[in-house]
Amino acid sequence: MKQLLFVLFLLSSFSNAQDARHLLREVNSKFASVKDYQADVNIRTAIPFIRMMPVNARLFFKQPDKFRLKSKGIAILPRQSFDQLFKNLRDTNSYLPVAQSQEMIHQVKTQIISILPVSDTADLVLGKLWIDTKEKLILRSQVTTKSNGTVTTDFYFGNHTAQALPDSMLFTIDTRKFKIPKAVAADLNNVKSTDKMGKNELQKGQIIIRFKDYLINKGIADEIFR
Protein backbone atom coordinates (compact mmCIF):
# COMPACT_ATOMS: atom_id res chain seq x y z
CA MET A 1 0.00 0.00 0.00
CA LYS A 2 2.82 2.40 0.89
CA GLN A 3 4.55 1.60 -2.39
CA LEU A 4 1.36 2.36 -4.32
CA LEU A 5 0.94 5.70 -2.53
CA PHE A 6 4.56 6.56 -3.26
CA VAL A 7 4.11 5.76 -6.98
CA LEU A 8 0.91 7.86 -7.10
CA PHE A 9 2.79 10.72 -5.42
CA LEU A 10 5.58 10.53 -8.02
CA LEU A 11 3.07 10.45 -10.88
CA SER A 12 1.21 13.43 -9.43
CA SER A 13 4.46 15.39 -8.99
CA PHE A 14 5.53 14.58 -12.54
CA SER A 15 2.16 15.66 -13.94
CA ASN A 16 2.31 18.88 -11.90
CA ALA A 17 5.77 19.74 -13.22
CA GLN A 18 4.74 18.96 -16.82
CA ASP A 19 1.64 21.18 -16.59
CA ALA A 20 3.65 24.02 -15.02
CA ARG A 21 6.39 23.69 -17.64
CA HIS A 22 3.81 23.76 -20.46
CA LEU A 23 2.32 26.99 -19.09
CA LEU A 24 5.77 28.58 -18.86
CA ARG A 25 6.49 27.59 -22.46
CA GLU A 26 3.31 29.39 -23.53
CA VAL A 27 4.34 32.49 -21.57
CA ASN A 28 7.80 32.42 -23.14
CA SER A 29 6.37 31.89 -26.61
CA LYS A 30 4.29 35.05 -26.32
CA PHE A 31 7.29 37.20 -25.40
CA ALA A 32 9.44 35.47 -28.04
CA SER A 33 7.24 37.01 -30.75
CA VAL A 34 8.97 40.31 -29.88
CA LYS A 35 12.27 40.19 -31.76
CA ASP A 36 13.24 43.66 -30.57
CA TYR A 37 11.71 46.78 -29.11
CA GLN A 38 12.55 50.23 -27.88
CA ALA A 39 10.49 52.49 -25.66
CA ASP A 40 10.68 55.76 -23.78
CA VAL A 41 10.56 55.17 -20.04
CA ASN A 42 10.09 57.26 -16.94
CA ILE A 43 11.76 55.87 -13.81
CA ARG A 44 10.77 56.99 -10.33
CA THR A 45 12.69 55.75 -7.31
CA ALA A 46 11.45 55.70 -3.73
CA ILE A 47 14.21 54.27 -1.53
CA PRO A 48 14.64 55.38 2.10
CA PHE A 49 17.36 58.02 2.57
CA ILE A 50 18.12 58.25 -1.16
CA ARG A 51 16.89 61.33 -2.98
CA MET A 52 16.58 60.83 -6.73
CA MET A 53 14.69 62.88 -9.25
CA PRO A 54 12.57 61.02 -11.84
CA VAL A 55 14.67 59.96 -14.82
CA ASN A 56 13.59 59.84 -18.46
CA ALA A 57 15.42 57.28 -20.56
CA ARG A 58 15.18 55.11 -23.65
CA LEU A 59 15.22 51.35 -23.30
CA PHE A 60 16.42 48.98 -26.04
CA PHE A 61 15.97 45.20 -26.16
CA LYS A 62 16.86 42.60 -28.78
CA GLN A 63 16.45 38.85 -28.56
CA PRO A 64 17.79 36.80 -27.03
CA ASP A 65 19.36 38.94 -24.29
CA LYS A 66 20.68 42.28 -25.60
CA PHE A 67 19.61 45.09 -23.30
CA ARG A 68 20.53 48.74 -22.91
CA LEU A 69 19.15 51.74 -21.06
CA LYS A 70 20.25 55.14 -22.39
CA SER A 71 19.84 57.94 -19.88
CA LYS A 72 21.46 61.27 -19.08
CA GLY A 73 20.88 60.68 -15.38
CA ILE A 74 21.53 57.80 -13.00
CA ALA A 75 18.81 55.15 -13.15
CA ILE A 76 18.30 52.19 -10.84
CA LEU A 77 16.81 49.22 -12.68
CA PRO A 78 16.51 45.61 -11.43
CA ARG A 79 17.44 43.60 -14.53
CA GLN A 80 16.56 40.28 -12.89
CA SER A 81 12.87 41.11 -13.29
CA PHE A 82 13.30 42.49 -16.80
CA ASP A 83 14.88 40.57 -19.65
CA GLN A 84 16.73 38.34 -17.17
CA LEU A 85 13.44 36.81 -16.03
CA PHE A 86 12.56 35.50 -19.49
CA LYS A 87 16.16 34.50 -20.14
CA ASN A 88 16.13 32.31 -17.04
CA LEU A 89 12.75 30.80 -17.90
CA ARG A 90 13.94 29.81 -21.40
CA ASP A 91 16.55 27.49 -19.88
CA THR A 92 14.00 24.87 -18.82
CA ASN A 93 16.73 22.46 -17.69
CA SER A 94 17.98 24.86 -15.02
CA TYR A 95 14.90 24.74 -12.79
CA LEU A 96 11.95 22.67 -11.61
CA PRO A 97 8.54 24.39 -11.90
CA VAL A 98 5.88 23.55 -9.32
CA ALA A 99 2.25 24.61 -9.72
CA GLN A 100 0.70 25.76 -6.46
CA SER A 101 -2.53 27.52 -5.52
CA GLN A 102 -4.44 30.24 -7.37
CA GLU A 103 -4.67 33.86 -6.27
CA MET A 104 -6.33 37.07 -7.44
CA ILE A 105 -3.80 39.65 -8.69
CA HIS A 106 -4.99 42.97 -10.15
CA GLN A 107 -8.53 41.50 -10.14
CA VAL A 108 -7.40 38.57 -12.29
CA LYS A 109 -7.28 34.94 -11.15
CA THR A 110 -3.69 33.74 -11.50
CA GLN A 111 -1.89 30.43 -11.20
CA ILE A 112 1.08 30.51 -8.83
CA ILE A 113 4.16 28.64 -10.03
CA SER A 114 7.30 28.29 -7.96
CA ILE A 115 10.67 27.99 -9.68
CA LEU A 116 13.26 25.84 -7.92
CA PRO A 117 16.83 25.94 -9.30
CA VAL A 118 18.36 22.56 -10.08
CA SER A 119 21.93 23.64 -9.28
CA ASP A 120 22.94 24.95 -5.85
CA THR A 121 25.58 27.09 -7.57
CA ALA A 122 22.97 29.20 -9.40
CA ASP A 123 22.44 32.82 -8.36
CA LEU A 124 18.71 32.13 -8.22
CA VAL A 125 17.54 30.93 -4.81
CA LEU A 126 13.79 30.82 -5.44
CA GLY A 127 11.34 32.23 -7.96
CA LYS A 128 7.58 32.65 -7.69
CA LEU A 129 5.31 33.67 -10.57
CA TRP A 130 1.66 34.71 -10.66
CA ILE A 131 0.45 33.91 -14.18
CA ASP A 132 -2.73 34.96 -15.98
CA THR A 133 -3.44 31.60 -17.66
CA LYS A 134 -5.92 33.11 -20.14
CA GLU A 135 -3.63 35.84 -21.49
CA LYS A 136 -0.39 33.93 -20.80
CA LEU A 137 1.08 36.87 -18.89
CA ILE A 138 3.15 37.13 -15.73
CA LEU A 139 1.30 39.64 -13.54
CA ARG A 140 3.66 39.37 -10.58
CA SER A 141 7.06 37.82 -9.95
CA GLN A 142 9.04 37.39 -6.77
CA VAL A 143 12.67 36.51 -7.38
CA THR A 144 15.20 35.83 -4.65
CA THR A 145 18.86 35.75 -5.68
CA LYS A 146 22.11 35.51 -3.75
CA SER A 147 23.34 38.77 -5.27
CA ASN A 148 20.30 41.05 -4.93
CA GLY A 149 18.03 39.59 -2.25
CA THR A 150 14.30 39.55 -3.01
CA VAL A 151 12.70 41.68 -5.72
CA THR A 152 8.93 41.61 -6.19
CA THR A 153 7.64 42.97 -9.50
CA ASP A 154 4.08 43.85 -10.47
CA PHE A 155 3.39 44.07 -14.21
CA TYR A 156 0.53 46.23 -15.53
CA PHE A 157 -0.55 45.62 -19.14
CA GLY A 158 -2.68 47.62 -21.54
CA ASN A 159 -1.83 48.67 -25.07
CA HIS A 160 0.66 45.88 -25.80
CA THR A 161 -0.84 42.90 -24.02
CA ALA A 162 -0.55 40.82 -27.21
CA GLN A 163 3.24 41.20 -27.12
CA ALA A 164 3.56 40.75 -23.33
CA LEU A 165 5.02 44.27 -23.03
CA PRO A 166 3.84 46.20 -19.94
CA ASP A 167 2.57 49.76 -19.70
CA SER A 168 4.18 50.02 -16.27
CA MET A 169 6.10 48.00 -13.70
CA LEU A 170 6.39 48.35 -9.94
CA PHE A 171 9.48 46.88 -8.26
CA THR A 172 9.64 46.34 -4.50
CA ILE A 173 13.22 45.73 -3.41
CA ASP A 174 15.10 44.66 -0.29
CA THR A 175 17.36 47.66 0.38
CA ARG A 176 19.69 45.58 2.58
CA LYS A 177 20.86 43.41 -0.34
CA PHE A 178 19.91 45.21 -3.53
CA LYS A 179 22.91 46.57 -5.46
CA ILE A 180 22.54 50.34 -5.62
CA PRO A 181 24.86 52.38 -7.91
CA LYS A 182 27.82 53.76 -5.97
CA ALA A 183 26.99 57.29 -7.10
CA VAL A 184 23.77 57.23 -5.08
CA ALA A 185 24.51 54.54 -2.50
CA ALA A 186 23.83 55.16 1.16
CA ASP A 187 24.85 53.02 4.11
CA LEU A 188 21.35 51.72 4.67
CA ASN A 189 22.50 49.10 7.17
CA ASN A 190 23.79 51.76 9.54
CA VAL A 191 20.79 54.08 9.30
CA LYS A 192 19.13 54.45 12.68
CA SER A 193 15.36 54.12 12.83
CA THR A 194 13.38 57.29 13.30
CA ASP A 195 10.01 58.11 14.73
CA LYS A 196 8.64 58.49 11.21
CA MET A 197 9.88 55.21 9.74
CA GLY A 198 9.87 51.73 11.22
CA LYS A 199 12.55 49.12 10.67
CA ASN A 200 10.52 47.23 8.04
CA GLU A 201 9.94 50.42 6.06
CA LEU A 202 13.67 51.13 6.00
CA GLN A 203 14.28 47.74 4.44
CA LYS A 204 11.89 48.25 1.52
CA GLY A 205 12.15 50.47 -1.52
CA GLN A 206 10.15 50.92 -4.70
CA ILE A 207 11.01 51.64 -8.33
CA ILE A 208 8.22 52.58 -10.73
CA ILE A 209 8.73 52.42 -14.49
CA ARG A 210 6.23 53.74 -17.05
CA PHE A 211 6.57 52.95 -20.75
CA LYS A 212 5.38 54.89 -23.77
CA ASP A 213 5.98 55.11 -27.53
CA TYR A 214 6.94 51.49 -28.04
CA LEU A 215 8.60 50.62 -31.36
CA ILE A 216 8.26 46.85 -31.78
CA ASN A 217 10.05 44.62 -34.30
CA LYS A 218 11.41 47.55 -36.28
CA GLY A 219 14.98 46.28 -36.16
CA ILE A 220 17.77 47.55 -33.86
CA ALA A 221 21.43 47.59 -34.89
CA ASP A 222 23.81 45.63 -32.66
CA GLU A 223 25.94 48.76 -32.31
CA ILE A 224 23.30 50.20 -29.98
CA PHE A 225 24.23 47.61 -27.36
CA ARG A 226 27.97 48.32 -27.46
C-alpha atoms as a PDB file:
ATOM      1  CA  MET A   1       0.000   0.000   0.000  1.00  0.00           C
ATOM      2  CA  LYS A   2       2.818   2.405   0.893  1.00  0.00           C
ATOM      3  CA  GLN A   3       4.555   1.605  -2.393  1.00  0.00           C
ATOM      4  CA  LEU A   4       1.357   2.355  -4.315  1.00  0.00           C
ATOM      5  CA  LEU A   5       0.942   5.697  -2.533  1.00  0.00           C
ATOM      6  CA  PHE A   6       4.558   6.562  -3.265  1.00  0.00           C
ATOM      7  CA  VAL A   7       4.108   5.755  -6.979  1.00  0.00           C
ATOM      8  CA  LEU A   8       0.906   7.861  -7.101  1.00  0.00           C
ATOM      9  CA  PHE A   9       2.790  10.716  -5.424  1.00  0.00           C
ATOM     10  CA  LEU A  10       5.579  10.531  -8.024  1.00  0.00           C
ATOM     11  CA  LEU A  11       3.075  10.452 -10.882  1.00  0.00           C
ATOM     12  CA  SER A  12       1.206  13.430  -9.425  1.00  0.00           C
ATOM     13  CA  SER A  13       4.456  15.388  -8.986  1.00  0.00           C
ATOM     14  CA  PHE A  14       5.529  14.576 -12.544  1.00  0.00           C
ATOM     15  CA  SER A  15       2.161  15.663 -13.945  1.00  0.00           C
ATOM     16  CA  ASN A  16       2.312  18.879 -11.896  1.00  0.00           C
ATOM     17  CA  ALA A  17       5.767  19.736 -13.221  1.00  0.00           C
ATOM     18  CA  GLN A  18       4.744  18.962 -16.816  1.00  0.00           C
ATOM     19  CA  ASP A  19       1.639  21.184 -16.591  1.00  0.00           C
ATOM     20  CA  ALA A  20       3.646  24.023 -15.025  1.00  0.00           C
ATOM     21  CA  ARG A  21       6.391  23.691 -17.641  1.00  0.00           C
ATOM     22  CA  HIS A  22       3.815  23.763 -20.457  1.00  0.00           C
ATOM     23  CA  LEU A  23       2.319  26.986 -19.094  1.00  0.00           C
ATOM     24  CA  LEU A  24       5.766  28.584 -18.856  1.00  0.00           C
ATOM     25  CA  ARG A  25       6.493  27.595 -22.462  1.00  0.00           C
ATOM     26  CA  GLU A  26       3.307  29.394 -23.533  1.00  0.00           C
ATOM     27  CA  VAL A  27       4.337  32.489 -21.569  1.00  0.00           C
ATOM     28  CA  ASN A  28       7.796  32.418 -23.144  1.00  0.00           C
ATOM     29  CA  SER A  29       6.366  31.887 -26.610  1.00  0.00           C
ATOM     30  CA  LYS A  30       4.288  35.048 -26.324  1.00  0.00           C
ATOM     31  CA  PHE A  31       7.289  37.198 -25.397  1.00  0.00           C
ATOM     32  CA  ALA A  32       9.440  35.467 -28.041  1.00  0.00           C
ATOM     33  CA  SER A  33       7.240  37.008 -30.751  1.00  0.00           C
ATOM     34  CA  VAL A  34       8.969  40.313 -29.882  1.00  0.00           C
ATOM     35  CA  LYS A  35      12.265  40.190 -31.758  1.00  0.00           C
ATOM     36  CA  ASP A  36      13.236  43.656 -30.572  1.00  0.00           C
ATOM     37  CA  TYR A  37      11.711  46.782 -29.107  1.00  0.00           C
ATOM     38  CA  GLN A  38      12.552  50.231 -27.878  1.00  0.00           C
ATOM     39  CA  ALA A  39      10.492  52.495 -25.664  1.00  0.00           C
ATOM     40  CA  ASP A  40      10.679  55.757 -23.778  1.00  0.00           C
ATOM     41  CA  VAL A  41      10.561  55.172 -20.044  1.00  0.00           C
ATOM     42  CA  ASN A  42      10.095  57.264 -16.936  1.00  0.00           C
ATOM     43  CA  ILE A  43      11.755  55.873 -13.809  1.00  0.00           C
ATOM     44  CA  ARG A  44      10.771  56.992 -10.332  1.00  0.00           C
ATOM     45  CA  THR A  45      12.691  55.747  -7.312  1.00  0.00           C
ATOM     46  CA  ALA A  46      11.448  55.704  -3.727  1.00  0.00           C
ATOM     47  CA  ILE A  47      14.210  54.274  -1.532  1.00  0.00           C
ATOM     48  CA  PRO A  48      14.641  55.377   2.100  1.00  0.00           C
ATOM     49  CA  PHE A  49      17.358  58.015   2.571  1.00  0.00           C
ATOM     50  CA  ILE A  50      18.122  58.253  -1.159  1.00  0.00           C
ATOM     51  CA  ARG A  51      16.894  61.330  -2.985  1.00  0.00           C
ATOM     52  CA  MET A  52      16.583  60.828  -6.728  1.00  0.00           C
ATOM     53  CA  MET A  53      14.689  62.877  -9.254  1.00  0.00           C
ATOM     54  CA  PRO A  54      12.572  61.025 -11.843  1.00  0.00           C
ATOM     55  CA  VAL A  55      14.667  59.958 -14.816  1.00  0.00           C
ATOM     56  CA  ASN A  56      13.591  59.839 -18.459  1.00  0.00           C
ATOM     57  CA  ALA A  57      15.418  57.282 -20.565  1.00  0.00           C
ATOM     58  CA  ARG A  58      15.185  55.109 -23.650  1.00  0.00           C
ATOM     59  CA  LEU A  59      15.218  51.349 -23.301  1.00  0.00           C
ATOM     60  CA  PHE A  60      16.416  48.980 -26.040  1.00  0.00           C
ATOM     61  CA  PHE A  61      15.971  45.196 -26.161  1.00  0.00           C
ATOM     62  CA  LYS A  62      16.863  42.605 -28.781  1.00  0.00           C
ATOM     63  CA  GLN A  63      16.450  38.849 -28.565  1.00  0.00           C
ATOM     64  CA  PRO A  64      17.792  36.796 -27.032  1.00  0.00           C
ATOM     65  CA  ASP A  65      19.359  38.944 -24.295  1.00  0.00           C
ATOM     66  CA  LYS A  66      20.681  42.276 -25.603  1.00  0.00           C
ATOM     67  CA  PHE A  67      19.612  45.089 -23.301  1.00  0.00           C
ATOM     68  CA  ARG A  68      20.532  48.745 -22.914  1.00  0.00           C
ATOM     69  CA  LEU A  69      19.150  51.738 -21.057  1.00  0.00           C
ATOM     70  CA  LYS A  70      20.254  55.144 -22.394  1.00  0.00           C
ATOM     71  CA  SER A  71      19.844  57.936 -19.880  1.00  0.00           C
ATOM     72  CA  LYS A  72      21.463  61.271 -19.084  1.00  0.00           C
ATOM     73  CA  GLY A  73      20.880  60.681 -15.378  1.00  0.00           C
ATOM     74  CA  ILE A  74      21.526  57.800 -12.998  1.00  0.00           C
ATOM     75  CA  ALA A  75      18.807  55.153 -13.146  1.00  0.00           C
ATOM     76  CA  ILE A  76      18.300  52.187 -10.844  1.00  0.00           C
ATOM     77  CA  LEU A  77      16.814  49.216 -12.684  1.00  0.00           C
ATOM     78  CA  PRO A  78      16.514  45.610 -11.430  1.00  0.00           C
ATOM     79  CA  ARG A  79      17.441  43.598 -14.527  1.00  0.00           C
ATOM     80  CA  GLN A  80      16.559  40.280 -12.887  1.00  0.00           C
ATOM     81  CA  SER A  81      12.870  41.111 -13.291  1.00  0.00           C
ATOM     82  CA  PHE A  82      13.300  42.489 -16.805  1.00  0.00           C
ATOM     83  CA  ASP A  83      14.881  40.572 -19.653  1.00  0.00           C
ATOM     84  CA  GLN A  84      16.729  38.340 -17.172  1.00  0.00           C
ATOM     85  CA  LEU A  85      13.437  36.812 -16.034  1.00  0.00           C
ATOM     86  CA  PHE A  86      12.561  35.495 -19.491  1.00  0.00           C
ATOM     87  CA  LYS A  87      16.163  34.501 -20.136  1.00  0.00           C
ATOM     88  CA  ASN A  88      16.130  32.305 -17.036  1.00  0.00           C
ATOM     89  CA  LEU A  89      12.748  30.795 -17.904  1.00  0.00           C
ATOM     90  CA  ARG A  90      13.943  29.810 -21.399  1.00  0.00           C
ATOM     91  CA  ASP A  91      16.551  27.486 -19.882  1.00  0.00           C
ATOM     92  CA  THR A  92      14.003  24.866 -18.824  1.00  0.00           C
ATOM     93  CA  ASN A  93      16.726  22.458 -17.685  1.00  0.00           C
ATOM     94  CA  SER A  94      17.983  24.856 -15.024  1.00  0.00           C
ATOM     95  CA  TYR A  95      14.900  24.743 -12.793  1.00  0.00           C
ATOM     96  CA  LEU A  96      11.953  22.666 -11.607  1.00  0.00           C
ATOM     97  CA  PRO A  97       8.540  24.391 -11.903  1.00  0.00           C
ATOM     98  CA  VAL A  98       5.882  23.546  -9.316  1.00  0.00           C
ATOM     99  CA  ALA A  99       2.254  24.608  -9.723  1.00  0.00           C
ATOM    100  CA  GLN A 100       0.700  25.756  -6.458  1.00  0.00           C
ATOM    101  CA  SER A 101      -2.528  27.524  -5.525  1.00  0.00           C
ATOM    102  CA  GLN A 102      -4.439  30.238  -7.374  1.00  0.00           C
ATOM    103  CA  GLU A 103      -4.667  33.864  -6.273  1.00  0.00           C
ATOM    104  CA  MET A 104      -6.329  37.069  -7.443  1.00  0.00           C
ATOM    105  CA  ILE A 105      -3.799  39.650  -8.690  1.00  0.00           C
ATOM    106  CA  HIS A 106      -4.992  42.969 -10.153  1.00  0.00           C
ATOM    107  CA  GLN A 107      -8.529  41.504 -10.139  1.00  0.00           C
ATOM    108  CA  VAL A 108      -7.404  38.565 -12.290  1.00  0.00           C
ATOM    109  CA  LYS A 109      -7.278  34.940 -11.155  1.00  0.00           C
ATOM    110  CA  THR A 110      -3.695  33.737 -11.497  1.00  0.00           C
ATOM    111  CA  GLN A 111      -1.885  30.430 -11.204  1.00  0.00           C
ATOM    112  CA  ILE A 112       1.082  30.514  -8.832  1.00  0.00           C
ATOM    113  CA  ILE A 113       4.161  28.642 -10.032  1.00  0.00           C
ATOM    114  CA  SER A 114       7.299  28.290  -7.960  1.00  0.00           C
ATOM    115  CA  ILE A 115      10.675  27.986  -9.680  1.00  0.00           C
ATOM    116  CA  LEU A 116      13.256  25.839  -7.916  1.00  0.00           C
ATOM    117  CA  PRO A 117      16.826  25.940  -9.296  1.00  0.00           C
ATOM    118  CA  VAL A 118      18.363  22.560 -10.080  1.00  0.00           C
ATOM    119  CA  SER A 119      21.928  23.644  -9.280  1.00  0.00           C
ATOM    120  CA  ASP A 120      22.940  24.948  -5.854  1.00  0.00           C
ATOM    121  CA  THR A 121      25.584  27.089  -7.570  1.00  0.00           C
ATOM    122  CA  ALA A 122      22.974  29.200  -9.399  1.00  0.00           C
ATOM    123  CA  ASP A 123      22.442  32.815  -8.355  1.00  0.00           C
ATOM    124  CA  LEU A 124      18.707  32.129  -8.219  1.00  0.00           C
ATOM    125  CA  VAL A 125      17.537  30.927  -4.810  1.00  0.00           C
ATOM    126  CA  LEU A 126      13.791  30.823  -5.444  1.00  0.00           C
ATOM    127  CA  GLY A 127      11.338  32.230  -7.955  1.00  0.00           C
ATOM    128  CA  LYS A 128       7.582  32.653  -7.690  1.00  0.00           C
ATOM    129  CA  LEU A 129       5.309  33.672 -10.565  1.00  0.00           C
ATOM    130  CA  TRP A 130       1.658  34.708 -10.659  1.00  0.00           C
ATOM    131  CA  ILE A 131       0.448  33.914 -14.182  1.00  0.00           C
ATOM    132  CA  ASP A 132      -2.730  34.958 -15.982  1.00  0.00           C
ATOM    133  CA  THR A 133      -3.438  31.603 -17.656  1.00  0.00           C
ATOM    134  CA  LYS A 134      -5.916  33.114 -20.140  1.00  0.00           C
ATOM    135  CA  GLU A 135      -3.632  35.845 -21.493  1.00  0.00           C
ATOM    136  CA  LYS A 136      -0.392  33.928 -20.799  1.00  0.00           C
ATOM    137  CA  LEU A 137       1.078  36.866 -18.887  1.00  0.00           C
ATOM    138  CA  ILE A 138       3.155  37.134 -15.726  1.00  0.00           C
ATOM    139  CA  LEU A 139       1.299  39.638 -13.535  1.00  0.00           C
ATOM    140  CA  ARG A 140       3.659  39.367 -10.581  1.00  0.00           C
ATOM    141  CA  SER A 141       7.058  37.824  -9.954  1.00  0.00           C
ATOM    142  CA  GLN A 142       9.041  37.387  -6.769  1.00  0.00           C
ATOM    143  CA  VAL A 143      12.670  36.511  -7.384  1.00  0.00           C
ATOM    144  CA  THR A 144      15.198  35.835  -4.646  1.00  0.00           C
ATOM    145  CA  THR A 145      18.858  35.749  -5.678  1.00  0.00           C
ATOM    146  CA  LYS A 146      22.107  35.511  -3.755  1.00  0.00           C
ATOM    147  CA  SER A 147      23.345  38.770  -5.270  1.00  0.00           C
ATOM    148  CA  ASN A 148      20.297  41.054  -4.926  1.00  0.00           C
ATOM    149  CA  GLY A 149      18.027  39.586  -2.253  1.00  0.00           C
ATOM    150  CA  THR A 150      14.303  39.553  -3.006  1.00  0.00           C
ATOM    151  CA  VAL A 151      12.703  41.678  -5.723  1.00  0.00           C
ATOM    152  CA  THR A 152       8.926  41.613  -6.186  1.00  0.00           C
ATOM    153  CA  THR A 153       7.642  42.968  -9.504  1.00  0.00           C
ATOM    154  CA  ASP A 154       4.083  43.849 -10.468  1.00  0.00           C
ATOM    155  CA  PHE A 155       3.386  44.071 -14.211  1.00  0.00           C
ATOM    156  CA  TYR A 156       0.530  46.228 -15.535  1.00  0.00           C
ATOM    157  CA  PHE A 157      -0.548  45.621 -19.136  1.00  0.00           C
ATOM    158  CA  GLY A 158      -2.675  47.617 -21.536  1.00  0.00           C
ATOM    159  CA  ASN A 159      -1.826  48.672 -25.075  1.00  0.00           C
ATOM    160  CA  HIS A 160       0.656  45.876 -25.797  1.00  0.00           C
ATOM    161  CA  THR A 161      -0.835  42.895 -24.017  1.00  0.00           C
ATOM    162  CA  ALA A 162      -0.549  40.816 -27.214  1.00  0.00           C
ATOM    163  CA  GLN A 163       3.245  41.201 -27.118  1.00  0.00           C
ATOM    164  CA  ALA A 164       3.563  40.753 -23.326  1.00  0.00           C
ATOM    165  CA  LEU A 165       5.016  44.267 -23.029  1.00  0.00           C
ATOM    166  CA  PRO A 166       3.845  46.198 -19.944  1.00  0.00           C
ATOM    167  CA  ASP A 167       2.569  49.757 -19.698  1.00  0.00           C
ATOM    168  CA  SER A 168       4.175  50.016 -16.267  1.00  0.00           C
ATOM    169  CA  MET A 169       6.103  48.004 -13.703  1.00  0.00           C
ATOM    170  CA  LEU A 170       6.389  48.347  -9.938  1.00  0.00           C
ATOM    171  CA  PHE A 171       9.477  46.877  -8.258  1.00  0.00           C
ATOM    172  CA  THR A 172       9.638  46.344  -4.503  1.00  0.00           C
ATOM    173  CA  ILE A 173      13.223  45.734  -3.410  1.00  0.00           C
ATOM    174  CA  ASP A 174      15.104  44.664  -0.294  1.00  0.00           C
ATOM    175  CA  THR A 175      17.364  47.657   0.382  1.00  0.00           C
ATOM    176  CA  ARG A 176      19.691  45.575   2.576  1.00  0.00           C
ATOM    177  CA  LYS A 177      20.860  43.408  -0.344  1.00  0.00           C
ATOM    178  CA  PHE A 178      19.908  45.214  -3.527  1.00  0.00           C
ATOM    179  CA  LYS A 179      22.910  46.567  -5.465  1.00  0.00           C
ATOM    180  CA  ILE A 180      22.536  50.339  -5.625  1.00  0.00           C
ATOM    181  CA  PRO A 181      24.861  52.378  -7.910  1.00  0.00           C
ATOM    182  CA  LYS A 182      27.824  53.762  -5.968  1.00  0.00           C
ATOM    183  CA  ALA A 183      26.989  57.288  -7.095  1.00  0.00           C
ATOM    184  CA  VAL A 184      23.772  57.233  -5.076  1.00  0.00           C
ATOM    185  CA  ALA A 185      24.507  54.541  -2.499  1.00  0.00           C
ATOM    186  CA  ALA A 186      23.829  55.163   1.157  1.00  0.00           C
ATOM    187  CA  ASP A 187      24.850  53.025   4.114  1.00  0.00           C
ATOM    188  CA  LEU A 188      21.350  51.717   4.672  1.00  0.00           C
ATOM    189  CA  ASN A 189      22.498  49.097   7.173  1.00  0.00           C
ATOM    190  CA  ASN A 190      23.790  51.763   9.539  1.00  0.00           C
ATOM    191  CA  VAL A 191      20.791  54.082   9.299  1.00  0.00           C
ATOM    192  CA  LYS A 192      19.133  54.450  12.683  1.00  0.00           C
ATOM    193  CA  SER A 193      15.363  54.122  12.834  1.00  0.00           C
ATOM    194  CA  THR A 194      13.380  57.291  13.299  1.00  0.00           C
ATOM    195  CA  ASP A 195      10.008  58.107  14.727  1.00  0.00           C
ATOM    196  CA  LYS A 196       8.639  58.492  11.213  1.00  0.00           C
ATOM    197  CA  MET A 197       9.882  55.206   9.743  1.00  0.00           C
ATOM    198  CA  GLY A 198       9.870  51.732  11.222  1.00  0.00           C
ATOM    199  CA  LYS A 199      12.546  49.116  10.669  1.00  0.00           C
ATOM    200  CA  ASN A 200      10.519  47.234   8.037  1.00  0.00           C
ATOM    201  CA  GLU A 201       9.938  50.423   6.063  1.00  0.00           C
ATOM    202  CA  LEU A 202      13.669  51.135   5.996  1.00  0.00           C
ATOM    203  CA  GLN A 203      14.281  47.735   4.436  1.00  0.00           C
ATOM    204  CA  LYS A 204      11.885  48.255   1.522  1.00  0.00           C
ATOM    205  CA  GLY A 205      12.152  50.475  -1.520  1.00  0.00           C
ATOM    206  CA  GLN A 206      10.150  50.921  -4.700  1.00  0.00           C
ATOM    207  CA  ILE A 207      11.008  51.639  -8.329  1.00  0.00           C
ATOM    208  CA  ILE A 208       8.216  52.576 -10.732  1.00  0.00           C
ATOM    209  CA  ILE A 209       8.727  52.424 -14.488  1.00  0.00           C
ATOM    210  CA  ARG A 210       6.233  53.741 -17.052  1.00  0.00           C
ATOM    211  CA  PHE A 211       6.574  52.947 -20.751  1.00  0.00           C
ATOM    212  CA  LYS A 212       5.376  54.891 -23.772  1.00  0.00           C
ATOM    213  CA  ASP A 213       5.976  55.112 -27.525  1.00  0.00           C
ATOM    214  CA  TYR A 214       6.944  51.489 -28.044  1.00  0.00           C
ATOM    215  CA  LEU A 215       8.602  50.619 -31.364  1.00  0.00           C
ATOM    216  CA  ILE A 216       8.261  46.850 -31.776  1.00  0.00           C
ATOM    217  CA  ASN A 217      10.047  44.615 -34.295  1.00  0.00           C
ATOM    218  CA  LYS A 218      11.411  47.555 -36.279  1.00  0.00           C
ATOM    219  CA  GLY A 219      14.983  46.277 -36.156  1.00  0.00           C
ATOM    220  CA  ILE A 220      17.769  47.548 -33.861  1.00  0.00           C
ATOM    221  CA  ALA A 221      21.426  47.589 -34.886  1.00  0.00           C
ATOM    222  CA  ASP A 222      23.815  45.626 -32.662  1.00  0.00           C
ATOM    223  CA  GLU A 223      25.944  48.759 -32.311  1.00  0.00           C
ATOM    224  CA  ILE A 224      23.300  50.204 -29.983  1.00  0.00           C
ATOM    225  CA  PHE A 225      24.232  47.610 -27.361  1.00  0.00           C
ATOM    226  CA  ARG A 226      27.967  48.324 -27.463  1.00  0.00           C
END
